[in-house]
């Protein structure tokens, strides 16, 4: 379910009717756009690259400094059961944190793609829900995704009537980078 832009907002921008494109279809497009934009923004989120479980204590190892502290509630996603859950941090170091988890021991395992740990209530979607620049960036990317899906052969025609086959490449985020600049997580750029 999209968290920043609604299907009706995108429908208004595109000028299409609900009978032509359902909310479900437009929600998929918005989710794609949010999955591109939101990870680039500053949020209380950190990638988990490995984990283990010893004596009913789960150890989560993060790729970068996470800023979680003991007592905080952290939502872990992208790991196998029973690790994917909301956990209360017991101890925290710069690149790891622990939480109580009752289950059989699990040896240290790396995870690809990485899991995510997000401070409860402080995800990018929570923080930027009412930020016009982020909403505009997600709408712009959503329009490009929509056009690439409905254009014949994925060839979008520009305003100068030239075919532009690379609209979904790296330049997609470059076109909205000015909107995102105040909110970009610069730590992720250097990794």
C-alpha atoms as a PDB file:
ATOM      1  CA  UNK A   1       0.000   0.000   0.000  1.00  0.00           C
ATOM      2  CA  UNK A   2       1.504   3.347  -0.970  1.00  0.00           C
ATOM      3  CA  UNK A   3       2.263   5.676   1.912  1.00  0.00           C
ATOM      4  CA  UNK A   4       3.093   9.074   0.361  1.00  0.00           C
ATOM      5  CA  UNK A   5       0.996   9.344  -2.823  1.00  0.00           C
ATOM      6  CA  UNK A   6      -2.479   7.912  -3.383  1.00  0.00           C
ATOM      7  CA  UNK A   7      -3.886   6.313  -6.512  1.00  0.00           C
ATOM      8  CA  UNK A   8      -6.383   9.165  -6.862  1.00  0.00           C
ATOM      9  CA  UNK A   9      -3.541  11.732  -6.823  1.00  0.00           C
ATOM     10  CA  UNK A  10      -1.684   9.841  -9.549  1.00  0.00           C
ATOM     11  CA  UNK A  11      -4.913   9.386 -11.519  1.00  0.00           C
ATOM     12  CA  UNK A  12      -5.459  13.167 -11.434  1.00  0.00           C
ATOM     13  CA  UNK A  13      -1.917  13.867 -12.662  1.00  0.00           C
ATOM     14  CA  UNK A  14      -2.228  11.275 -15.439  1.00  0.00           C
ATOM     15  CA  UNK A  15      -5.740  12.333 -16.388  1.00  0.00           C
ATOM     16  CA  UNK A  16      -7.025   8.758 -16.534  1.00  0.00           C
ATOM     17  CA  UNK A  17     -10.288   7.318 -15.241  1.00  0.00           C
ATOM     18  CA  UNK A  18     -10.860   4.610 -12.654  1.00  0.00           C
ATOM     19  CA  UNK A  19     -12.594   2.497 -15.310  1.00  0.00           C
ATOM     20  CA  UNK A  20      -9.415   2.501 -17.399  1.00  0.00           C
ATOM     21  CA  UNK A  21      -6.793   1.944 -14.657  1.00  0.00           C
ATOM     22  CA  UNK A  22      -7.771   0.455 -11.302  1.00  0.00           C
ATOM     23  CA  UNK A  23      -6.461   1.635  -7.941  1.00  0.00           C
ATOM     24  CA  UNK A  24      -4.584  -1.669  -7.625  1.00  0.00           C
ATOM     25  CA  UNK A  25      -2.717  -1.068 -10.887  1.00  0.00           C
ATOM     26  CA  UNK A  26      -1.813   2.511  -9.948  1.00  0.00           C
ATOM     27  CA  UNK A  27      -0.823   1.407  -6.413  1.00  0.00           C
ATOM     28  CA  UNK A  28       1.733  -0.979  -7.963  1.00  0.00           C
ATOM     29  CA  UNK A  29       3.241   1.922  -9.880  1.00  0.00           C
ATOM     30  CA  UNK A  30       3.333   4.151  -6.792  1.00  0.00           C
ATOM     31  CA  UNK A  31       4.894   1.360  -4.713  1.00  0.00           C
ATOM     32  CA  UNK A  32       7.595   0.989  -7.355  1.00  0.00           C
ATOM     33  CA  UNK A  33       8.275   4.721  -7.219  1.00  0.00           C
ATOM     34  CA  UNK A  34       8.341   4.826  -3.426  1.00  0.00           C
ATOM     35  CA  UNK A  35      10.727   1.847  -3.414  1.00  0.00           C
ATOM     36  CA  UNK A  36      13.074   3.916  -5.596  1.00  0.00           C
ATOM     37  CA  UNK A  37      12.824   7.222  -3.716  1.00  0.00           C
ATOM     38  CA  UNK A  38      12.354   6.407  -0.009  1.00  0.00           C
ATOM     39  CA  UNK A  39      15.567   4.364   0.516  1.00  0.00           C
ATOM     40  CA  UNK A  40      17.568   7.372  -0.686  1.00  0.00           C
ATOM     41  CA  UNK A  41      16.253   9.591   2.118  1.00  0.00           C
ATOM     42  CA  UNK A  42      17.486  10.156   5.657  1.00  0.00           C
ATOM     43  CA  UNK A  43      15.553   7.881   8.009  1.00  0.00           C
ATOM     44  CA  UNK A  44      16.177   5.844  11.111  1.00  0.00           C
ATOM     45  CA  UNK A  45      16.841   2.755   9.006  1.00  0.00           C
ATOM     46  CA  UNK A  46      19.876   0.561   8.646  1.00  0.00           C
ATOM     47  CA  UNK A  47      20.625  -2.447   6.440  1.00  0.00           C
ATOM     48  CA  UNK A  48      21.221  -5.747   8.243  1.00  0.00           C
ATOM     49  CA  UNK A  49      23.965  -7.766   6.570  1.00  0.00           C
ATOM     50  CA  UNK A  50      24.142 -10.691   9.013  1.00  0.00           C
ATOM     51  CA  UNK A  51      22.406 -12.169  12.032  1.00  0.00           C
ATOM     52  CA  UNK A  52      22.610 -14.991  14.551  1.00  0.00           C
ATOM     53  CA  UNK A  53      20.753 -16.368  17.553  1.00  0.00           C
ATOM     54  CA  UNK A  54      22.517 -17.622  20.689  1.00  0.00           C
ATOM     55  CA  UNK A  55      20.815 -18.570  23.953  1.00  0.00           C
ATOM     56  CA  UNK A  56      17.574 -16.745  23.051  1.00  0.00           C
ATOM     57  CA  UNK A  57      19.395 -13.529  22.137  1.00  0.00           C
ATOM     58  CA  UNK A  58      19.254 -12.364  18.512  1.00  0.00           C
ATOM     59  CA  UNK A  59      22.286 -10.486  17.190  1.00  0.00           C
ATOM     60  CA  UNK A  60      21.751  -8.174  14.237  1.00  0.00           C
ATOM     61  CA  UNK A  61      24.813  -6.769  12.429  1.00  0.00           C
ATOM     62  CA  UNK A  62      24.304  -3.615  10.389  1.00  0.00           C
ATOM     63  CA  UNK A  63      26.220  -2.358   7.393  1.00  0.00           C
ATOM     64  CA  UNK A  64      26.674   1.101   8.870  1.00  0.00           C
ATOM     65  CA  UNK A  65      26.213   2.873  12.168  1.00  0.00           C
ATOM     66  CA  UNK A  66      22.563   2.514  13.129  1.00  0.00           C
ATOM     67  CA  UNK A  67      21.956   4.917  16.068  1.00  0.00           C
ATOM     68  CA  UNK A  68      19.569   2.535  17.882  1.00  0.00           C
ATOM     69  CA  UNK A  69      19.713   2.503  21.686  1.00  0.00           C
ATOM     70  CA  UNK A  70      18.553   0.087  24.369  1.00  0.00           C
ATOM     71  CA  UNK A  71      14.816   0.147  24.965  1.00  0.00           C
ATOM     72  CA  UNK A  72      13.823   1.311  21.482  1.00  0.00           C
ATOM     73  CA  UNK A  73      11.399  -0.673  19.357  1.00  0.00           C
ATOM     74  CA  UNK A  74      12.926  -1.693  16.007  1.00  0.00           C
ATOM     75  CA  UNK A  75      11.069  -3.283  13.097  1.00  0.00           C
ATOM     76  CA  UNK A  76      13.215  -5.905  11.348  1.00  0.00           C
ATOM     77  CA  UNK A  77      12.182  -6.991   7.843  1.00  0.00           C
ATOM     78  CA  UNK A  78      13.695  -9.090   5.078  1.00  0.00           C
ATOM     79  CA  UNK A  79      15.098 -11.821   7.337  1.00  0.00           C
ATOM     80  CA  UNK A  80      13.770 -15.355   7.733  1.00  0.00           C
ATOM     81  CA  UNK A  81      11.319 -16.215  10.512  1.00  0.00           C
ATOM     82  CA  UNK A  82      11.479 -15.677  13.456  1.00  0.00           C
ATOM     83  CA  UNK A  83      13.889 -12.739  12.968  1.00  0.00           C
ATOM     84  CA  UNK A  84      11.448 -10.641  10.917  1.00  0.00           C
ATOM     85  CA  UNK A  85       9.443  -8.985  13.674  1.00  0.00           C
ATOM     86  CA  UNK A  86       9.336  -5.961  15.936  1.00  0.00           C
ATOM     87  CA  UNK A  87      12.067  -6.240  18.558  1.00  0.00           C
ATOM     88  CA  UNK A  88      13.025  -4.235  21.626  1.00  0.00           C
ATOM     89  CA  UNK A  89      16.744  -3.407  21.613  1.00  0.00           C
ATOM     90  CA  UNK A  90      18.576  -4.879  24.631  1.00  0.00           C
ATOM     91  CA  UNK A  91      22.112  -3.718  23.841  1.00  0.00           C
ATOM     92  CA  UNK A  92      23.586  -1.724  20.992  1.00  0.00           C
ATOM     93  CA  UNK A  93      27.058  -1.082  19.637  1.00  0.00           C
ATOM     94  CA  UNK A  94      27.882   1.053  16.625  1.00  0.00           C
ATOM     95  CA  UNK A  95      27.339  -1.761  14.096  1.00  0.00           C
ATOM     96  CA  UNK A  96      25.132  -4.253  15.939  1.00  0.00           C
ATOM     97  CA  UNK A  97      22.232  -4.584  18.307  1.00  0.00           C
ATOM     98  CA  UNK A  98      20.637  -7.423  20.249  1.00  0.00           C
ATOM     99  CA  UNK A  99      17.081  -8.376  21.097  1.00  0.00           C
ATOM    100  CA  UNK A 100      15.377 -11.175  23.010  1.00  0.00           C
ATOM    101  CA  UNK A 101      14.138 -13.948  20.733  1.00  0.00           C
ATOM    102  CA  UNK A 102      13.097 -17.384  21.952  1.00  0.00           C
ATOM    103  CA  UNK A 103      14.020 -20.002  19.381  1.00  0.00           C
ATOM    104  CA  UNK A 104      16.695 -22.563  18.522  1.00  0.00           C
ATOM    105  CA  UNK A 105      20.244 -21.286  18.059  1.00  0.00           C
ATOM    106  CA  UNK A 106      21.169 -20.064  14.569  1.00  0.00           C
ATOM    107  CA  UNK A 107      24.800 -19.734  13.512  1.00  0.00           C
ATOM    108  CA  UNK A 108      26.030 -16.461  12.041  1.00  0.00           C
ATOM    109  CA  UNK A 109      24.508 -15.997   8.589  1.00  0.00           C
ATOM    110  CA  UNK A 110      24.931 -13.313   5.989  1.00  0.00           C
ATOM    111  CA  UNK A 111      21.790 -12.213   4.195  1.00  0.00           C
ATOM    112  CA  UNK A 112      21.498 -11.195   0.547  1.00  0.00           C
ATOM    113  CA  UNK A 113      19.581  -9.097  -0.213  1.00  0.00           C
ATOM    114  CA  UNK A 114      20.087  -7.377   3.092  1.00  0.00           C
ATOM    115  CA  UNK A 115      17.379  -7.102   5.694  1.00  0.00           C
ATOM    116  CA  UNK A 116      16.291  -3.772   7.147  1.00  0.00           C
ATOM    117  CA  UNK A 117      16.001  -2.452  10.681  1.00  0.00           C
ATOM    118  CA  UNK A 118      13.795   0.616  11.127  1.00  0.00           C
ATOM    119  CA  UNK A 119      13.069   2.514  14.303  1.00  0.00           C
ATOM    120  CA  UNK A 120       9.346   2.053  14.933  1.00  0.00           C
ATOM    121  CA  UNK A 121       7.395   5.100  13.782  1.00  0.00           C
ATOM    122  CA  UNK A 122      10.408   6.677  12.064  1.00  0.00           C
ATOM    123  CA  UNK A 123      10.577   5.111   8.610  1.00  0.00           C
ATOM    124  CA  UNK A 124      11.038   7.359   5.588  1.00  0.00           C
ATOM    125  CA  UNK A 125       7.338   6.924   4.814  1.00  0.00           C
ATOM    126  CA  UNK A 126       6.437   8.113   8.339  1.00  0.00           C
ATOM    127  CA  UNK A 127       8.841  11.057   8.305  1.00  0.00           C
ATOM    128  CA  UNK A 128       8.099  12.379   4.806  1.00  0.00           C
ATOM    129  CA  UNK A 129       4.350  11.700   4.585  1.00  0.00           C
ATOM    130  CA  UNK A 130       3.485  15.409   4.363  1.00  0.00           C
ATOM    131  CA  UNK A 131       6.547  16.756   2.543  1.00  0.00           C
ATOM    132  CA  UNK A 132       5.545  18.357  -0.781  1.00  0.00           C
ATOM    133  CA  UNK A 133       8.972  17.905  -2.424  1.00  0.00           C
ATOM    134  CA  UNK A 134       8.989  14.162  -1.694  1.00  0.00           C
ATOM    135  CA  UNK A 135       5.412  13.831  -2.912  1.00  0.00           C
ATOM    136  CA  UNK A 136       6.327  15.655  -6.135  1.00  0.00           C
ATOM    137  CA  UNK A 137       9.378  13.429  -6.687  1.00  0.00           C
ATOM    138  CA  UNK A 138       7.325  10.265  -6.188  1.00  0.00           C
ATOM    139  CA  UNK A 139       4.624  11.558  -8.533  1.00  0.00           C
ATOM    140  CA  UNK A 140       7.235  12.391 -11.194  1.00  0.00           C
ATOM    141  CA  UNK A 141       8.771   8.927 -10.981  1.00  0.00           C
ATOM    142  CA  UNK A 142       5.291   7.355 -10.943  1.00  0.00           C
ATOM    143  CA  UNK A 143       4.401   9.141 -14.188  1.00  0.00           C
ATOM    144  CA  UNK A 144       7.596   7.822 -15.809  1.00  0.00           C
ATOM    145  CA  UNK A 145       6.894   4.267 -14.613  1.00  0.00           C
ATOM    146  CA  UNK A 146       3.301   4.514 -15.874  1.00  0.00           C
ATOM    147  CA  UNK A 147       4.422   5.806 -19.254  1.00  0.00           C
ATOM    148  CA  UNK A 148       7.056   3.108 -19.643  1.00  0.00           C
ATOM    149  CA  UNK A 149       4.408   0.455 -18.954  1.00  0.00           C
ATOM    150  CA  UNK A 150       1.787   1.758 -21.358  1.00  0.00           C
ATOM    151  CA  UNK A 151       4.017   3.056 -24.175  1.00  0.00           C
ATOM    152  CA  UNK A 152       4.311   0.717 -27.136  1.00  0.00           C
ATOM    153  CA  UNK A 153       7.567  -1.203 -26.841  1.00  0.00           C
ATOM    154  CA  UNK A 154       8.510   0.877 -23.795  1.00  0.00           C
ATOM    155  CA  UNK A 155       9.354   3.792 -26.119  1.00  0.00           C
ATOM    156  CA  UNK A 156       8.153   7.053 -24.600  1.00  0.00           C
ATOM    157  CA  UNK A 157       7.795   9.955 -26.960  1.00  0.00           C
ATOM    158  CA  UNK A 158       9.165  13.239 -25.676  1.00  0.00           C
ATOM    159  CA  UNK A 159       7.571  16.655 -26.087  1.00  0.00           C
ATOM    160  CA  UNK A 160       9.832  17.204 -29.106  1.00  0.00           C
ATOM    161  CA  UNK A 161       8.379  14.009 -30.667  1.00  0.00           C
ATOM    162  CA  UNK A 162      11.618  12.056 -30.322  1.00  0.00           C
ATOM    163  CA  UNK A 163      11.658   8.556 -28.920  1.00  0.00           C
ATOM    164  CA  UNK A 164      13.358   8.284 -25.534  1.00  0.00           C
ATOM    165  CA  UNK A 165      14.107   4.648 -24.658  1.00  0.00           C
ATOM    166  CA  UNK A 166      16.219   5.311 -21.542  1.00  0.00           C
ATOM    167  CA  UNK A 167      13.693   7.147 -19.354  1.00  0.00           C
ATOM    168  CA  UNK A 168      13.842   4.393 -16.725  1.00  0.00           C
ATOM    169  CA  UNK A 169      17.654   4.474 -16.397  1.00  0.00           C
ATOM    170  CA  UNK A 170      19.871   6.270 -13.901  1.00  0.00           C
ATOM    171  CA  UNK A 171      18.681   9.600 -15.203  1.00  0.00           C
ATOM    172  CA  UNK A 172      15.269   8.925 -13.666  1.00  0.00           C
ATOM    173  CA  UNK A 173      16.459   9.768 -10.155  1.00  0.00           C
ATOM    174  CA  UNK A 174      18.669  12.566 -11.499  1.00  0.00           C
ATOM    175  CA  UNK A 175      15.556  14.333 -12.804  1.00  0.00           C
ATOM    176  CA  UNK A 176      14.124  14.545  -9.281  1.00  0.00           C
ATOM    177  CA  UNK A 177      17.403  14.975  -7.383  1.00  0.00           C
ATOM    178  CA  UNK A 178      16.894  18.705  -6.853  1.00  0.00           C
ATOM    179  CA  UNK A 179      13.604  18.000  -5.086  1.00  0.00           C
ATOM    180  CA  UNK A 180      15.295  15.384  -2.906  1.00  0.00           C
ATOM    181  CA  UNK A 181      18.558  17.190  -2.068  1.00  0.00           C
ATOM    182  CA  UNK A 182      17.593  18.485   1.392  1.00  0.00           C
ATOM    183  CA  UNK A 183      16.463  14.982   2.398  1.00  0.00           C
ATOM    184  CA  UNK A 184      19.110  12.701   0.810  1.00  0.00           C
ATOM    185  CA  UNK A 185      21.012  10.328   3.057  1.00  0.00           C
ATOM    186  CA  UNK A 186      24.573  11.179   2.069  1.00  0.00           C
ATOM    187  CA  UNK A 187      25.987   8.263   4.079  1.00  0.00           C
ATOM    188  CA  UNK A 188      24.497   5.823   1.573  1.00  0.00           C
ATOM    189  CA  UNK A 189      26.163   7.620  -1.342  1.00  0.00           C
ATOM    190  CA  UNK A 190      29.689   6.810  -0.156  1.00  0.00           C
ATOM    191  CA  UNK A 191      29.124   3.117   0.530  1.00  0.00           C
END
